[in-house]
Amino acid sequence: MVKKVLTWALVAFLIFFVAYRPNSAADVAKSLGGGIMDIAQGFGDFFTSLVA
Protein backbone atom coordinates (compact mmCIF):
# COMPACT_ATOMS: atom_id res chain seq x y z
CA MET A 1 0.00 0.00 0.00
CA VAL A 2 2.78 2.46 0.92
CA LYS A 3 4.71 1.58 -2.23
CA LYS A 4 1.65 2.33 -4.37
CA VAL A 5 1.09 5.71 -2.68
CA LEU A 6 4.75 6.67 -3.06
CA THR A 7 4.72 5.64 -6.72
CA TRP A 8 1.69 7.82 -7.44
CA ALA A 9 3.23 10.70 -5.49
CA LEU A 10 6.39 10.43 -7.58
CA VAL A 11 4.38 10.39 -10.82
CA ALA A 12 2.39 13.44 -9.69
CA PHE A 13 5.60 15.27 -8.76
CA LEU A 14 7.16 14.49 -12.15
CA ILE A 15 4.09 15.76 -14.00
CA PHE A 16 4.06 18.92 -11.85
CA PHE A 17 7.81 19.45 -12.36
CA VAL A 18 7.59 19.06 -16.14
CA ALA A 19 4.46 21.20 -16.41
CA TYR A 20 5.62 24.13 -14.29
CA ARG A 21 9.40 24.06 -14.81
CA PRO A 22 10.05 22.49 -18.21
CA ASN A 23 13.52 24.04 -18.61
CA SER A 24 14.67 22.68 -15.27
CA ALA A 25 13.15 19.28 -16.06
CA ALA A 26 15.01 19.22 -19.38
CA ASP A 27 18.27 20.12 -17.63
CA VAL A 28 17.78 17.28 -15.14
CA ALA A 29 17.03 14.79 -17.92
CA LYS A 30 20.05 15.98 -19.89
CA SER A 31 22.27 15.64 -16.83
CA LEU A 32 21.02 12.12 -16.08
CA GLY A 33 21.52 11.10 -19.71
CA GLY A 34 25.06 12.48 -19.66
CA GLY A 35 25.84 10.55 -16.50
CA ILE A 36 24.56 7.31 -18.00
CA MET A 37 26.63 7.93 -21.12
CA ASP A 38 29.74 8.52 -18.99
CA ILE A 39 29.18 5.23 -17.18
CA ALA A 40 28.71 3.37 -20.46
CA GLN A 41 31.87 4.96 -21.86
CA GLY A 42 33.78 3.88 -18.76
CA PHE A 43 32.64 0.28 -19.16
CA GLY A 44 33.57 0.38 -22.83
CA ASP A 45 37.04 1.72 -22.05
CA PHE A 46 37.53 -0.94 -19.37
CA PHE A 47 36.62 -3.83 -21.64
CA THR A 48 38.66 -2.40 -24.51
CA SER A 49 41.79 -2.18 -22.37
CA LEU A 50 41.04 -5.61 -20.88
CA VAL A 51 41.02 -7.26 -24.31
CA ALA A 52 43.86 -5.22 -25.86
C-alpha atoms as a PDB file:
ATOM      1  CA  MET A   1       0.000   0.000   0.000  1.00  0.00           C
ATOM      2  CA  VAL A   2       2.779   2.456   0.921  1.00  0.00           C
ATOM      3  CA  LYS A   3       4.710   1.581  -2.233  1.00  0.00           C
ATOM      4  CA  LYS A   4       1.650   2.327  -4.367  1.00  0.00           C
ATOM      5  CA  VAL A   5       1.094   5.713  -2.681  1.00  0.00           C
ATOM      6  CA  LEU A   6       4.752   6.672  -3.063  1.00  0.00           C
ATOM      7  CA  THR A   7       4.720   5.643  -6.721  1.00  0.00           C
ATOM      8  CA  TRP A   8       1.690   7.816  -7.436  1.00  0.00           C
ATOM      9  CA  ALA A   9       3.226  10.703  -5.491  1.00  0.00           C
ATOM     10  CA  LEU A  10       6.392  10.428  -7.582  1.00  0.00           C
ATOM     11  CA  VAL A  11       4.383  10.390 -10.819  1.00  0.00           C
ATOM     12  CA  ALA A  12       2.394  13.437  -9.687  1.00  0.00           C
ATOM     13  CA  PHE A  13       5.595  15.269  -8.760  1.00  0.00           C
ATOM     14  CA  LEU A  14       7.161  14.486 -12.150  1.00  0.00           C
ATOM     15  CA  ILE A  15       4.086  15.763 -13.996  1.00  0.00           C
ATOM     16  CA  PHE A  16       4.063  18.920 -11.852  1.00  0.00           C
ATOM     17  CA  PHE A  17       7.811  19.453 -12.357  1.00  0.00           C
ATOM     18  CA  VAL A  18       7.590  19.058 -16.144  1.00  0.00           C
ATOM     19  CA  ALA A  19       4.460  21.202 -16.411  1.00  0.00           C
ATOM     20  CA  TYR A  20       5.622  24.131 -14.290  1.00  0.00           C
ATOM     21  CA  ARG A  21       9.402  24.059 -14.809  1.00  0.00           C
ATOM     22  CA  PRO A  22      10.048  22.493 -18.210  1.00  0.00           C
ATOM     23  CA  ASN A  23      13.516  24.044 -18.611  1.00  0.00           C
ATOM     24  CA  SER A  24      14.670  22.684 -15.269  1.00  0.00           C
ATOM     25  CA  ALA A  25      13.149  19.284 -16.057  1.00  0.00           C
ATOM     26  CA  ALA A  26      15.007  19.222 -19.378  1.00  0.00           C
ATOM     27  CA  ASP A  27      18.274  20.115 -17.632  1.00  0.00           C
ATOM     28  CA  VAL A  28      17.782  17.277 -15.138  1.00  0.00           C
ATOM     29  CA  ALA A  29      17.032  14.789 -17.925  1.00  0.00           C
ATOM     30  CA  LYS A  30      20.054  15.978 -19.895  1.00  0.00           C
ATOM     31  CA  SER A  31      22.267  15.638 -16.831  1.00  0.00           C
ATOM     32  CA  LEU A  32      21.020  12.116 -16.077  1.00  0.00           C
ATOM     33  CA  GLY A  33      21.518  11.098 -19.708  1.00  0.00           C
ATOM     34  CA  GLY A  34      25.055  12.480 -19.665  1.00  0.00           C
ATOM     35  CA  GLY A  35      25.837  10.549 -16.498  1.00  0.00           C
ATOM     36  CA  ILE A  36      24.556   7.312 -18.002  1.00  0.00           C
ATOM     37  CA  MET A  37      26.633   7.925 -21.122  1.00  0.00           C
ATOM     38  CA  ASP A  38      29.745   8.520 -18.992  1.00  0.00           C
ATOM     39  CA  ILE A  39      29.182   5.231 -17.177  1.00  0.00           C
ATOM     40  CA  ALA A  40      28.713   3.373 -20.460  1.00  0.00           C
ATOM     41  CA  GLN A  41      31.866   4.964 -21.859  1.00  0.00           C
ATOM     42  CA  GLY A  42      33.778   3.878 -18.761  1.00  0.00           C
ATOM     43  CA  PHE A  43      32.639   0.277 -19.164  1.00  0.00           C
ATOM     44  CA  GLY A  44      33.575   0.379 -22.834  1.00  0.00           C
ATOM     45  CA  ASP A  45      37.042   1.717 -22.045  1.00  0.00           C
ATOM     46  CA  PHE A  46      37.535  -0.935 -19.367  1.00  0.00           C
ATOM     47  CA  PHE A  47      36.621  -3.832 -21.637  1.00  0.00           C
ATOM     48  CA  THR A  48      38.665  -2.404 -24.508  1.00  0.00           C
ATOM     49  CA  SER A  49      41.786  -2.183 -22.366  1.00  0.00           C
ATOM     50  CA  LEU A  50      41.042  -5.611 -20.881  1.00  0.00           C
ATOM     51  CA  VAL A  51      41.024  -7.256 -24.306  1.00  0.00           C
ATOM     52  CA  ALA A  52      43.857  -5.220 -25.858  1.00  0.00           C
END
